[in-house]
C-alpha atoms as a PDB file:
ATOM      1  CA  MET A   1      29.240  79.469  96.582  1.00  0.00           C
ATOM      2  CA  TYR A   2      26.335  81.782  95.338  1.00  0.00           C
ATOM      3  CA  ILE A   3      23.023  81.981  97.352  1.00  0.00           C
ATOM      4  CA  ILE A   4      20.089  83.097  94.947  1.00  0.00           C
ATOM      5  CA  THR A   5      16.804  84.351  96.242  1.00  0.00           C
ATOM      6  CA  ASP A   6      13.233  84.165  94.487  1.00  0.00           C
ATOM      7  CA  ASP A   7      13.573  88.262  93.696  1.00  0.00           C
ATOM      8  CA  GLN A   8      17.090  87.497  91.914  1.00  0.00           C
ATOM      9  CA  VAL A   9      16.013  84.788  89.820  1.00  0.00           C
ATOM     10  CA  HIS A  10      13.007  87.379  88.439  1.00  0.00           C
ATOM     11  CA  ARG A  11      16.014  89.941  87.318  1.00  0.00           C
ATOM     12  CA  LEU A  12      18.524  87.258  86.177  1.00  0.00           C
ATOM     13  CA  ILE A  13      16.072  85.753  83.593  1.00  0.00           C
ATOM     14  CA  THR A  14      13.252  86.105  81.526  1.00  0.00           C
ATOM     15  CA  MET A  15      10.617  83.960  79.957  1.00  0.00           C
ATOM     16  CA  SER A  16      12.107  83.338  76.684  1.00  0.00           C
ATOM     17  CA  ASP A  17      15.586  82.677  78.329  1.00  0.00           C
ATOM     18  CA  ALA A  18      13.703  79.882  80.381  1.00  0.00           C
ATOM     19  CA  ILE A  19      12.328  78.372  77.153  1.00  0.00           C
ATOM     20  CA  GLU A  20      15.199  78.027  75.564  1.00  0.00           C
ATOM     21  CA  ALA A  21      17.828  76.534  78.536  1.00  0.00           C
ATOM     22  CA  ILE A  22      14.843  73.889  78.745  1.00  0.00           C
ATOM     23  CA  ARG A  23      14.537  73.057  75.487  1.00  0.00           C
ATOM     24  CA  PHE A  24      18.463  72.503  75.454  1.00  0.00           C
ATOM     25  CA  ALA A  25      17.963  70.167  78.260  1.00  0.00           C
ATOM     26  CA  LEU A  26      15.365  68.317  77.044  1.00  0.00           C
ATOM     27  CA  ALA A  27      17.039  67.516  73.858  1.00  0.00           C
ATOM     28  CA  GLU A  28      19.743  66.767  76.117  1.00  0.00           C
ATOM     29  CA  GLN A  29      17.286  64.026  77.701  1.00  0.00           C
ATOM     30  CA  GLY A  30      16.645  62.469  74.606  1.00  0.00           C
ATOM     31  CA  ASN A  31      19.694  62.342  73.260  1.00  0.00           C
ATOM     32  CA  ARG A  32      20.349  60.074  76.520  1.00  0.00           C
ATOM     33  CA  GLN A  33      23.110  62.492  77.845  1.00  0.00           C
ATOM     34  CA  ALA A  34      20.973  64.252  80.557  1.00  0.00           C
ATOM     35  CA  LYS A  35      19.709  61.879  83.210  1.00  0.00           C
ATOM     36  CA  ILE A  36      17.016  62.149  85.474  1.00  0.00           C
ATOM     37  CA  GLN A  37      16.279  61.143  89.507  1.00  0.00           C
ATOM     38  CA  PRO A  38      12.598  60.673  89.646  1.00  0.00           C
ATOM     39  CA  ARG A  39      10.715  61.979  92.830  1.00  0.00           C
ATOM     40  CA  VAL A  40      10.774  60.369  96.137  1.00  0.00           C
ATOM     41  CA  ARG A  41       8.163  61.763  98.868  1.00  0.00           C
ATOM     42  CA  THR A  42       8.264  61.050 102.471  1.00  0.00           C
ATOM     43  CA  LEU A  43       5.285  61.516 104.250  1.00  0.00           C
ATOM     44  CA  GLY A  44       5.243  63.113 107.958  1.00  0.00           C
ATOM     45  CA  GLU A  45       2.516  63.694 110.082  1.00  0.00           C
ATOM     46  CA  ASN A  46       1.941  67.372 109.162  1.00  0.00           C
ATOM     47  CA  VAL A  47       4.271  67.600 106.170  1.00  0.00           C
ATOM     48  CA  SER A  48       5.783  65.929 103.285  1.00  0.00           C
ATOM     49  CA  LEU A  49       9.154  66.217 101.798  1.00  0.00           C
ATOM     50  CA  SER A  50       9.828  65.519  98.321  1.00  0.00           C
ATOM     51  CA  THR A  51      13.498  65.452  96.347  1.00  0.00           C
ATOM     52  CA  MET A  52      14.518  64.820  92.733  1.00  0.00           C
ATOM     53  CA  GLY A  53      17.443  65.280  91.230  1.00  0.00           C
ATOM     54  CA  ALA A  54      19.533  65.133  87.510  1.00  0.00           C
ATOM     55  CA  ILE A  55      22.801  65.183  85.818  1.00  0.00           C
ATOM     56  CA  LEU A  56      23.083  67.554  82.867  1.00  0.00           C
ATOM     57  CA  PRO A  57      26.489  67.142  81.698  1.00  0.00           C
ATOM     58  CA  GLY A  58      26.166  68.966  78.404  1.00  0.00           C
ATOM     59  CA  ALA A  59      25.549  72.381  80.878  1.00  0.00           C
ATOM     60  CA  GLY A  60      28.355  71.187  83.323  1.00  0.00           C
ATOM     61  CA  VAL A  61      26.112  71.107  86.510  1.00  0.00           C
ATOM     62  CA  CYS A  62      23.883  68.580  88.442  1.00  0.00           C
ATOM     63  CA  GLY A  63      21.613  69.049  91.058  1.00  0.00           C
ATOM     64  CA  ALA A  64      18.649  68.130  93.258  1.00  0.00           C
ATOM     65  CA  LYS A  65      15.513  70.069  93.730  1.00  0.00           C
ATOM     66  CA  VAL A  66      14.041  69.346  97.790  1.00  0.00           C
ATOM     67  CA  TYR A  67      10.632  70.993  99.171  1.00  0.00           C
ATOM     68  CA  SER A  68       8.412  70.687 102.254  1.00  0.00           C
ATOM     69  CA  THR A  69       4.671  70.291 101.422  1.00  0.00           C
ATOM     70  CA  HIS A  70       2.729  71.910 104.457  1.00  0.00           C
ATOM     71  CA  ASN A  71      -1.000  72.455 104.041  1.00  0.00           C
ATOM     72  CA  GLY A  72      -0.973  72.756 100.338  1.00  0.00           C
ATOM     73  CA  LEU A  73       1.791  75.206 100.522  1.00  0.00           C
ATOM     74  CA  PHE A  74       4.968  74.545  99.125  1.00  0.00           C
ATOM     75  CA  ASP A  75       8.583  75.724 100.147  1.00  0.00           C
ATOM     76  CA  PHE A  76      11.440  74.961  97.021  1.00  0.00           C
ATOM     77  CA  VAL A  77      15.392  74.817  97.159  1.00  0.00           C
ATOM     78  CA  ILE A  78      17.670  73.843  94.554  1.00  0.00           C
ATOM     79  CA  PRO A  79      21.259  73.448  95.439  1.00  0.00           C
ATOM     80  CA  LEU A  80      23.737  72.947  91.966  1.00  0.00           C
ATOM     81  CA  PHE A  81      26.671  71.209  91.696  1.00  0.00           C
ATOM     82  CA  SER A  82      29.825  71.005  89.292  1.00  0.00           C
ATOM     83  CA  THR A  83      29.918  67.836  87.359  1.00  0.00           C
ATOM     84  CA  ARG A  84      33.696  68.671  86.186  1.00  0.00           C
ATOM     85  CA  ASP A  85      34.786  68.777  90.137  1.00  0.00           C
ATOM     86  CA  GLY A  86      31.838  67.951  92.244  1.00  0.00           C
ATOM     87  CA  ARG A  87      31.628  71.509  93.704  1.00  0.00           C
ATOM     88  CA  LEU A  88      28.830  73.159  95.103  1.00  0.00           C
ATOM     89  CA  LEU A  89      28.128  76.098  92.742  1.00  0.00           C
ATOM     90  CA  SER A  90      24.921  77.766  94.189  1.00  0.00           C
ATOM     91  CA  ILE A  91      21.578  77.341  96.309  1.00  0.00           C
ATOM     92  CA  ILE A  92      18.654  78.725  94.461  1.00  0.00           C
ATOM     93  CA  HIS A  93      15.609  79.254  96.406  1.00  0.00           C
ATOM     94  CA  GLY A  94      13.391  77.632  93.991  1.00  0.00           C
ATOM     95  CA  GLY A  95       9.829  79.162  94.160  1.00  0.00           C
ATOM     96  CA  ALA A  96      10.457  81.656  90.886  1.00  0.00           C
ATOM     97  CA  LEU A  97      12.234  78.743  89.673  1.00  0.00           C
ATOM     98  CA  THR A  98       9.462  76.648  89.578  1.00  0.00           C
ATOM     99  CA  GLU A  99       7.098  79.290  88.164  1.00  0.00           C
ATOM    100  CA  TYR A 100       9.693  79.499  85.512  1.00  0.00           C
ATOM    101  CA  ARG A 101      10.598  75.926  84.581  1.00  0.00           C
ATOM    102  CA  THR A 102       6.959  74.600  84.459  1.00  0.00           C
ATOM    103  CA  ALA A 103       5.605  77.001  82.026  1.00  0.00           C
ATOM    104  CA  ALA A 104       8.705  76.922  80.045  1.00  0.00           C
ATOM    105  CA  VAL A 105       8.499  73.169  79.206  1.00  0.00           C
ATOM    106  CA  THR A 106       4.780  73.738  78.779  1.00  0.00           C
ATOM    107  CA  ARG A 107       5.701  76.261  75.985  1.00  0.00           C
ATOM    108  CA  VAL A 108       8.539  73.771  74.803  1.00  0.00           C
ATOM    109  CA  ALA A 109       5.778  70.804  74.158  1.00  0.00           C
ATOM    110  CA  PHE A 110       3.499  73.557  72.387  1.00  0.00           C
ATOM    111  CA  ASP A 111       5.713  74.517  69.755  1.00  0.00           C
ATOM    112  CA  THR A 112       6.659  70.863  69.247  1.00  0.00           C
ATOM    113  CA  PHE A 113       3.021  69.825  68.860  1.00  0.00           C
ATOM    114  CA  GLY A 114       0.770  72.630  68.778  1.00  0.00           C
ATOM    115  CA  HIS A 115      -0.368  74.861  65.969  1.00  0.00           C
ATOM    116  CA  ALA A 116       1.530  77.841  64.771  1.00  0.00           C
ATOM    117  CA  ASP A 117      -1.705  79.556  63.460  1.00  0.00           C
ATOM    118  CA  ALA A 118      -3.090  78.956  67.388  1.00  0.00           C
ATOM    119  CA  LYS A 119      -5.203  82.054  68.154  1.00  0.00           C
ATOM    120  CA  VAL A 120      -7.436  81.360  71.277  1.00  0.00           C
ATOM    121  CA  LEU A 121      -6.020  80.146  74.536  1.00  0.00           C
ATOM    122  CA  ALA A 122      -8.155  78.820  77.176  1.00  0.00           C
ATOM    123  CA  VAL A 123      -6.595  78.506  81.003  1.00  0.00           C
ATOM    124  CA  PHE A 124      -8.132  76.262  83.867  1.00  0.00           C
ATOM    125  CA  GLY A 125      -6.807  78.475  87.146  1.00  0.00           C
ATOM    126  CA  THR A 126      -5.867  81.710  88.442  1.00  0.00           C
ATOM    127  CA  GLY A 127      -2.716  81.363  90.354  1.00  0.00           C
ATOM    128  CA  VAL A 128       1.172  81.669  90.016  1.00  0.00           C
ATOM    129  CA  GLN A 129       1.416  78.799  87.548  1.00  0.00           C
ATOM    130  CA  ALA A 130      -1.495  80.045  85.766  1.00  0.00           C
ATOM    131  CA  ARG A 131      -0.606  83.399  84.971  1.00  0.00           C
ATOM    132  CA  ALA A 132       2.868  82.088  84.467  1.00  0.00           C
ATOM    133  CA  HIS A 133       1.511  80.055  81.725  1.00  0.00           C
ATOM    134  CA  ILE A 134      -0.603  83.015  79.820  1.00  0.00           C
ATOM    135  CA  ARG A 135       3.021  84.627  79.493  1.00  0.00           C
ATOM    136  CA  ALA A 136       4.868  81.258  78.548  1.00  0.00           C
ATOM    137  CA  LEU A 137       2.327  80.944  75.910  1.00  0.00           C
ATOM    138  CA  VAL A 138       1.099  84.853  74.615  1.00  0.00           C
ATOM    139  CA  GLU A 139       5.274  86.108  74.247  1.00  0.00           C
ATOM    140  CA  LYS A 140       6.174  85.628  70.840  1.00  0.00           C
ATOM    141  CA  SER A 141       3.104  83.317  69.367  1.00  0.00           C
ATOM    142  CA  GLY A 142      -0.102  84.478  67.783  1.00  0.00           C
ATOM    143  CA  ILE A 143      -2.235  84.239  70.663  1.00  0.00           C
ATOM    144  CA  GLU A 144      -5.055  86.868  70.320  1.00  0.00           C
ATOM    145  CA  ARG A 145      -7.679  85.847  73.089  1.00  0.00           C
ATOM    146  CA  VAL A 146      -7.225  84.471  76.733  1.00  0.00           C
ATOM    147  CA  LEU A 147     -10.000  82.727  78.034  1.00  0.00           C
ATOM    148  CA  ILE A 148      -9.511  82.683  82.069  1.00  0.00           C
ATOM    149  CA  VAL A 149     -11.561  79.878  83.663  1.00  0.00           C
ATOM    150  CA  GLY A 150     -11.181  80.027  87.634  1.00  0.00           C
ATOM    151  CA  ILE A 151     -12.968  79.688  91.211  1.00  0.00           C
ATOM    152  CA  GLU A 152     -12.002  82.910  92.195  1.00  0.00           C
ATOM    153  CA  SER A 153      -9.858  85.774  91.224  1.00  0.00           C
ATOM    154  CA  SER A 154     -11.001  85.523  87.364  1.00  0.00           C
ATOM    155  CA  ARG A 155     -11.550  89.220  86.956  1.00  0.00           C
ATOM    156  CA  GLU A 156      -8.441  90.082  89.135  1.00  0.00           C
ATOM    157  CA  THR A 157      -6.309  88.237  86.855  1.00  0.00           C
ATOM    158  CA  VAL A 158      -8.020  89.275  83.530  1.00  0.00           C
ATOM    159  CA  ALA A 159      -7.134  92.626  84.729  1.00  0.00           C
ATOM    160  CA  HIS A 160      -3.595  92.095  85.769  1.00  0.00           C
ATOM    161  CA  MET A 161      -2.815  90.146  82.401  1.00  0.00           C
ATOM    162  CA  GLN A 162      -4.884  92.965  80.332  1.00  0.00           C
ATOM    163  CA  ALA A 163      -2.424  95.293  81.836  1.00  0.00           C
ATOM    164  CA  ARG A 164       0.308  93.727  80.717  1.00  0.00           C
ATOM    165  CA  TYR A 165      -0.367  92.645  77.221  1.00  0.00           C
ATOM    166  CA  ALA A 166      -2.221  95.094  75.632  1.00  0.00           C
ATOM    167  CA  ASP A 167      -2.907  93.562  72.081  1.00  0.00           C
ATOM    168  CA  VAL A 168      -4.436  90.671  73.624  1.00  0.00           C
ATOM    169  CA  ARG A 169      -8.429  90.341  74.845  1.00  0.00           C
ATOM    170  CA  PHE A 170      -8.312  88.526  77.958  1.00  0.00           C
ATOM    171  CA  GLU A 171     -12.187  87.800  79.321  1.00  0.00           C
ATOM    172  CA  ALA A 172     -13.378  85.532  82.419  1.00  0.00           C
ATOM    173  CA  SER A 173     -15.170  82.716  81.123  1.00  0.00           C
ATOM    174  CA  THR A 174     -16.324  79.299  81.825  1.00  0.00           C
ATOM    175  CA  ALA A 175     -15.500  75.601  80.854  1.00  0.00           C
ATOM    176  CA  GLU A 176     -18.928  75.300  78.479  1.00  0.00           C
ATOM    177  CA  THR A 177     -17.735  78.667  76.739  1.00  0.00           C
ATOM    178  CA  ALA A 178     -13.522  78.597  76.448  1.00  0.00           C
ATOM    179  CA  VAL A 179     -13.149  74.651  75.602  1.00  0.00           C
ATOM    180  CA  PRO A 180     -15.252  75.017  72.653  1.00  0.00           C
ATOM    181  CA  VAL A 181     -13.202  77.992  70.843  1.00  0.00           C
ATOM    182  CA  ALA A 182      -9.572  77.290  72.248  1.00  0.00           C
ATOM    183  CA  ASP A 183      -6.987  76.310  70.382  1.00  0.00           C
ATOM    184  CA  VAL A 184      -4.896  75.569  73.306  1.00  0.00           C
ATOM    185  CA  VAL A 185      -6.240  74.328  76.968  1.00  0.00           C
ATOM    186  CA  ILE A 186      -3.996  74.563  80.041  1.00  0.00           C
ATOM    187  CA  THR A 187      -5.654  73.266  82.879  1.00  0.00           C
ATOM    188  CA  ALA A 188      -3.356  74.677  86.141  1.00  0.00           C
ATOM    189  CA  THR A 189      -5.729  73.972  88.996  1.00  0.00           C
ATOM    190  CA  ARG A 190      -5.496  71.516  92.382  1.00  0.00           C
ATOM    191  CA  SER A 191      -9.075  69.579  90.940  1.00  0.00           C
ATOM    192  CA  THR A 192      -8.811  66.287  91.764  1.00  0.00           C
ATOM    193  CA  ILE A 193     -11.706  65.378  89.261  1.00  0.00           C
ATOM    194  CA  PRO A 194     -11.914  66.440  85.464  1.00  0.00           C
ATOM    195  CA  LEU A 195     -12.035  70.008  84.613  1.00  0.00           C
ATOM    196  CA  PHE A 196     -14.217  69.587  80.925  1.00  0.00           C
ATOM    197  CA  ASP A 197     -16.065  67.324  78.689  1.00  0.00           C
ATOM    198  CA  GLY A 198     -13.118  66.231  76.266  1.00  0.00           C
ATOM    199  CA  ALA A 199     -16.223  66.233  73.525  1.00  0.00           C
ATOM    200  CA  ASP A 200     -16.154  70.019  73.520  1.00  0.00           C
ATOM    201  CA  LEU A 201     -12.650  70.094  71.990  1.00  0.00           C
ATOM    202  CA  LYS A 202     -11.756  71.099  68.674  1.00  0.00           C
ATOM    203  CA  PRO A 203      -9.942  69.125  66.141  1.00  0.00           C
ATOM    204  CA  GLY A 204      -6.305  69.892  66.530  1.00  0.00           C
ATOM    205  CA  THR A 205      -6.319  71.395  70.219  1.00  0.00           C
ATOM    206  CA  PHE A 206      -3.329  71.369  72.409  1.00  0.00           C
ATOM    207  CA  VAL A 207      -4.177  70.322  76.016  1.00  0.00           C
ATOM    208  CA  ALA A 208      -1.403  70.817  78.790  1.00  0.00           C
ATOM    209  CA  ALA A 209      -2.136  68.933  82.099  1.00  0.00           C
ATOM    210  CA  ILE A 210      -0.267  70.431  84.913  1.00  0.00           C
ATOM    211  CA  GLY A 211      -1.771  70.812  87.975  1.00  0.00           C
ATOM    212  CA  SER A 212      -1.109  67.652  89.513  1.00  0.00           C
ATOM    213  CA  SER A 213       1.641  65.310  89.991  1.00  0.00           C
ATOM    214  CA  LYS A 214      -0.322  62.749  92.195  1.00  0.00           C
ATOM    215  CA  PRO A 215      -1.805  59.219  90.946  1.00  0.00           C
ATOM    216  CA  ASP A 216      -5.394  60.250  92.664  1.00  0.00           C
ATOM    217  CA  ALA A 217      -6.076  63.547  91.328  1.00  0.00           C
ATOM    218  CA  ARG A 218      -6.774  64.545  87.679  1.00  0.00           C
ATOM    219  CA  GLU A 219      -7.916  67.371  85.439  1.00  0.00           C
ATOM    220  CA  VAL A 220      -8.609  65.535  82.004  1.00  0.00           C
ATOM    221  CA  ASP A 221     -11.482  63.165  81.357  1.00  0.00           C
ATOM    222  CA  ASP A 222     -11.116  59.789  79.132  1.00  0.00           C
ATOM    223  CA  THR A 223     -12.799  61.607  76.219  1.00  0.00           C
ATOM    224  CA  THR A 224     -10.331  63.834  76.404  1.00  0.00           C
ATOM    225  CA  LEU A 225      -7.660  60.992  76.518  1.00  0.00           C
ATOM    226  CA  SER A 226      -9.439  58.749  73.836  1.00  0.00           C
ATOM    227  CA  ARG A 227      -9.640  61.476  71.056  1.00  0.00           C
ATOM    228  CA  ALA A 228      -5.847  62.576  71.618  1.00  0.00           C
ATOM    229  CA  GLY A 229      -4.034  61.342  68.751  1.00  0.00           C
ATOM    230  CA  VAL A 230      -0.945  61.255  71.316  1.00  0.00           C
ATOM    231  CA  ILE A 231      -0.038  61.789  74.666  1.00  0.00           C
ATOM    232  CA  VAL A 232       3.300  63.379  75.761  1.00  0.00           C
ATOM    233  CA  VAL A 233       5.065  63.184  79.034  1.00  0.00           C
ATOM    234  CA  GLU A 234       8.563  64.327  80.725  1.00  0.00           C
ATOM    235  CA  SER A 235       9.307  61.256  81.663  1.00  0.00           C
ATOM    236  CA  PHE A 236       7.743  57.807  81.540  1.00  0.00           C
ATOM    237  CA  GLU A 237       8.964  56.179  84.471  1.00  0.00           C
ATOM    238  CA  GLN A 238       7.547  59.197  86.655  1.00  0.00           C
ATOM    239  CA  ALA A 239       4.327  59.253  84.467  1.00  0.00           C
ATOM    240  CA  GLU A 240       3.727  55.514  85.071  1.00  0.00           C
ATOM    241  CA  LYS A 241       3.991  56.364  88.945  1.00  0.00           C
ATOM    242  CA  GLU A 242       2.264  60.024  89.185  1.00  0.00           C
ATOM    243  CA  ALA A 243       0.221  60.927  86.280  1.00  0.00           C
ATOM    244  CA  GLY A 244      -3.427  60.664  87.916  1.00  0.00           C
ATOM    245  CA  ASP A 245      -4.871  61.866  84.542  1.00  0.00           C
ATOM    246  CA  LEU A 246      -3.519  58.731  82.860  1.00  0.00           C
ATOM    247  CA  LEU A 247      -3.463  56.207  85.572  1.00  0.00           C
ATOM    248  CA  MET A 248      -7.244  56.623  86.664  1.00  0.00           C
ATOM    249  CA  ALA A 249      -8.540  56.367  83.243  1.00  0.00           C
ATOM    250  CA  ALA A 250     -10.889  53.661  82.319  1.00  0.00           C
ATOM    251  CA  PRO A 251      -8.949  50.362  81.258  1.00  0.00           C
ATOM    252  CA  GLY A 252      -8.406  50.428  77.746  1.00  0.00           C
ATOM    253  CA  VAL A 253      -8.200  54.391  77.190  1.00  0.00           C
ATOM    254  CA  VAL A 254      -4.481  55.225  77.231  1.00  0.00           C
ATOM    255  CA  ASP A 255      -2.496  53.342  75.155  1.00  0.00           C
ATOM    256  CA  TRP A 256       1.278  53.284  76.633  1.00  0.00           C
ATOM    257  CA  SER A 257       2.393  52.721  73.303  1.00  0.00           C
ATOM    258  CA  ASN A 258       1.072  55.818  72.141  1.00  0.00           C
ATOM    259  CA  VAL A 259       2.482  58.033  74.731  1.00  0.00           C
ATOM    260  CA  ALA A 260       5.545  60.013  74.294  1.00  0.00           C
ATOM    261  CA  GLU A 261       8.375  61.112  75.705  1.00  0.00           C
ATOM    262  CA  LEU A 262       8.795  64.645  74.923  1.00  0.00           C
ATOM    263  CA  GLY A 263      12.773  64.798  75.002  1.00  0.00           C
ATOM    264  CA  ASP A 264      12.876  62.031  72.348  1.00  0.00           C
ATOM    265  CA  VAL A 265      10.517  64.140  69.933  1.00  0.00           C
ATOM    266  CA  ILE A 266      12.866  67.348  70.124  1.00  0.00           C
ATOM    267  CA  ALA A 267      15.497  65.197  69.698  1.00  0.00           C
ATOM    268  CA  ASN A 268      13.917  63.248  66.449  1.00  0.00           C
ATOM    269  CA  ARG A 269      13.773  60.146  68.075  1.00  0.00           C
ATOM    270  CA  VAL A 270      10.061  59.871  67.401  1.00  0.00           C
ATOM    271  CA  ALA A 271       7.710  61.434  65.019  1.00  0.00           C
ATOM    272  CA  GLY A 272       6.908  64.836  66.462  1.00  0.00           C
ATOM    273  CA  LYS A 273       3.562  66.967  65.325  1.00  0.00           C
ATOM    274  CA  ARG A 274       0.596  64.253  63.654  1.00  0.00           C
ATOM    275  CA  SER A 275      -2.268  65.420  61.568  1.00  0.00           C
ATOM    276  CA  GLN A 276      -3.977  69.108  61.496  1.00  0.00           C
ATOM    277  CA  ALA A 277      -6.922  67.406  63.485  1.00  0.00           C
ATOM    278  CA  ASP A 278      -5.014  65.070  66.247  1.00  0.00           C
ATOM    279  CA  ILE A 279      -5.478  66.564  69.585  1.00  0.00           C
ATOM    280  CA  THR A 280      -2.306  66.366  71.740  1.00  0.00           C
ATOM    281  CA  VAL A 281      -2.343  65.728  75.646  1.00  0.00           C
ATOM    282  CA  PHE A 282       0.575  66.856  77.425  1.00  0.00           C
ATOM    283  CA  LYS A 283       1.063  65.726  81.084  1.00  0.00           C
ATOM    284  CA  SER A 284       3.253  67.615  83.001  1.00  0.00           C
ATOM    285  CA  LEU A 285       4.246  66.469  86.299  1.00  0.00           C
ATOM    286  CA  GLY A 286       7.576  68.330  86.386  1.00  0.00           C
ATOM    287  CA  ILE A 287      11.234  66.737  86.300  1.00  0.00           C
ATOM    288  CA  ALA A 288      14.139  68.038  88.277  1.00  0.00           C
ATOM    289  CA  LEU A 289      16.304  68.132  84.938  1.00  0.00           C
ATOM    290  CA  ALA A 290      14.224  71.519  83.996  1.00  0.00           C
ATOM    291  CA  ASP A 291      14.980  73.031  87.455  1.00  0.00           C
ATOM    292  CA  VAL A 292      18.667  72.032  86.831  1.00  0.00           C
ATOM    293  CA  ALA A 293      18.550  73.811  83.525  1.00  0.00           C
ATOM    294  CA  LEU A 294      17.437  76.830  84.675  1.00  0.00           C
ATOM    295  CA  GLY A 295      19.262  76.578  87.906  1.00  0.00           C
ATOM    296  CA  GLU A 296      22.346  77.048  85.842  1.00  0.00           C
ATOM    297  CA  LEU A 297      21.442  79.337  83.335  1.00  0.00           C
ATOM    298  CA  VAL A 298      20.887  81.603  86.904  1.00  0.00           C
ATOM    299  CA  THR A 299      24.092  80.734  88.922  1.00  0.00           C
ATOM    300  CA  ARG A 300      25.474  81.696  85.298  1.00  0.00           C
ATOM    301  CA  ARG A 301      23.859  85.027  85.348  1.00  0.00           C
ATOM    302  CA  ALA A 302      24.825  85.534  88.852  1.00  0.00           C
ATOM    303  CA  MET A 303      28.542  84.833  88.566  1.00  0.00           C
ATOM    304  CA  ALA A 304      28.476  87.115  85.446  1.00  0.00           C
ATOM    305  CA  ALA A 305      26.719  89.908  87.734  1.00  0.00           C
ATOM    306  CA  ALA A 306      29.448  89.501  90.335  1.00  0.00           C
ATOM    307  CA  GLU A 307      32.215  89.905  88.225  1.00  0.00           C
ATOM    308  CA  CYS A 308      31.069  92.991  87.083  1.00  0.00           C
ATOM    309  CA  GLU A 309      31.145  94.174  90.922  1.00  0.00           C
ATOM    310  CA  ARG A 310      34.334  92.923  90.947  1.00  0.00           C
ATOM    311  CA  PRO A 311      37.176  95.547  91.781  1.00  0.00           C
ATOM    312  CA  ALA A 312      40.444  95.883  89.977  1.00  0.00           C
ATOM    313  CA  SER A 313      42.144  94.478  93.270  1.00  0.00           C
ATOM    314  CA  GLY A 314      40.619  91.417  92.270  1.00  0.00           C
ATOM    315  CA  ARG A 315      38.945  91.206  95.768  1.00  0.00           C
ATOM    316  CA  PHE A 316      35.053  90.320  95.395  1.00  0.00           C
ATOM    317  CA  LEU A 317      32.369  92.913  96.119  1.00  0.00           C
ATOM    318  CA  PRO A 318      28.606  91.590  96.761  1.00  0.00           C
ATOM    319  CA  GLY A 319      26.575  93.340  94.459  1.00  0.00           C
ATOM    320  CA  PRO A 320      22.722  93.980  95.160  1.00  0.00           C
ATOM    321  CA  ASP A 321      21.812  91.060  93.100  1.00  0.00           C
ATOM    322  CA  VAL A 322      23.783  88.507  94.746  1.00  0.00           C
ATOM    323  CA  GLN A 323      24.484  86.666  98.006  1.00  0.00           C
ATOM    324  CA  MET A 324      27.700  85.211  98.891  1.00  0.00           C
ATOM    325  CA  SER A 325      28.123  82.221 101.563  1.00  0.00           C
ATOM    326  CA  GLN A 326      31.997  81.919 102.595  1.00  0.00           C
END
């Protein structure tokens, strides 16, 4: 059984790896092969405990994501099991995995619904998820300009990302400046109220609201939702309970018959891209299927690294990137 830390996750996979693993898992969901266990939250006096799970037979694994929330801070762990014999394969510290998986799901949604000629990205937020989404959207795309809107650390984030991607222009901006020129808008904040006026969106904009998974918080307004040609979620069941962006809308604004599951589109069960003028709203809540898919990839890479460290005698010697528990 492998114990894998956040530092090791960063060394074992890339964002591109994560995107392809997530694409496969969502296709399995759309083909009704994968199974999802929705999130359950248990509230205590000073802490909440959340659990959610998934079975991914195509990768031979099942697992759960378990995490605590205390004073707005999260700590995640993912136990991963074999679907072939039920054996515990690994326990993964889930901070880095969550960073990769959330941004990778958004990139898959953008590849499915966004426009290939998108050049301007607007990002609300400056934290870990905002930076991860910049990486996911900028790499292997036509994005040339990134406008960062944040309450704090905007200039530091601009400098950090500019040093990483010299061919892309990064700027600190405002909602009023960024939204009207953006081809892609990502909201990765803890805001409980809408961040921008949906009337400012260009036709054809891809909007991903990923900051909240609670029914009483939202980042996009009714105008954005009413202008959407399609609204996309990872799971209907979860969205109907947790998607505050949709649940807090005025009556009649959200037509749930016009809400698509991302996996169904990837598996070609429902239509994908609409017209060039259609605005797409992707409301991401996070599903354990994505964590399990990346957990399998990380564990497989850890196994390969361990095999490289195995001496001729066959006795295992742990390498620097892998911890073992007997």
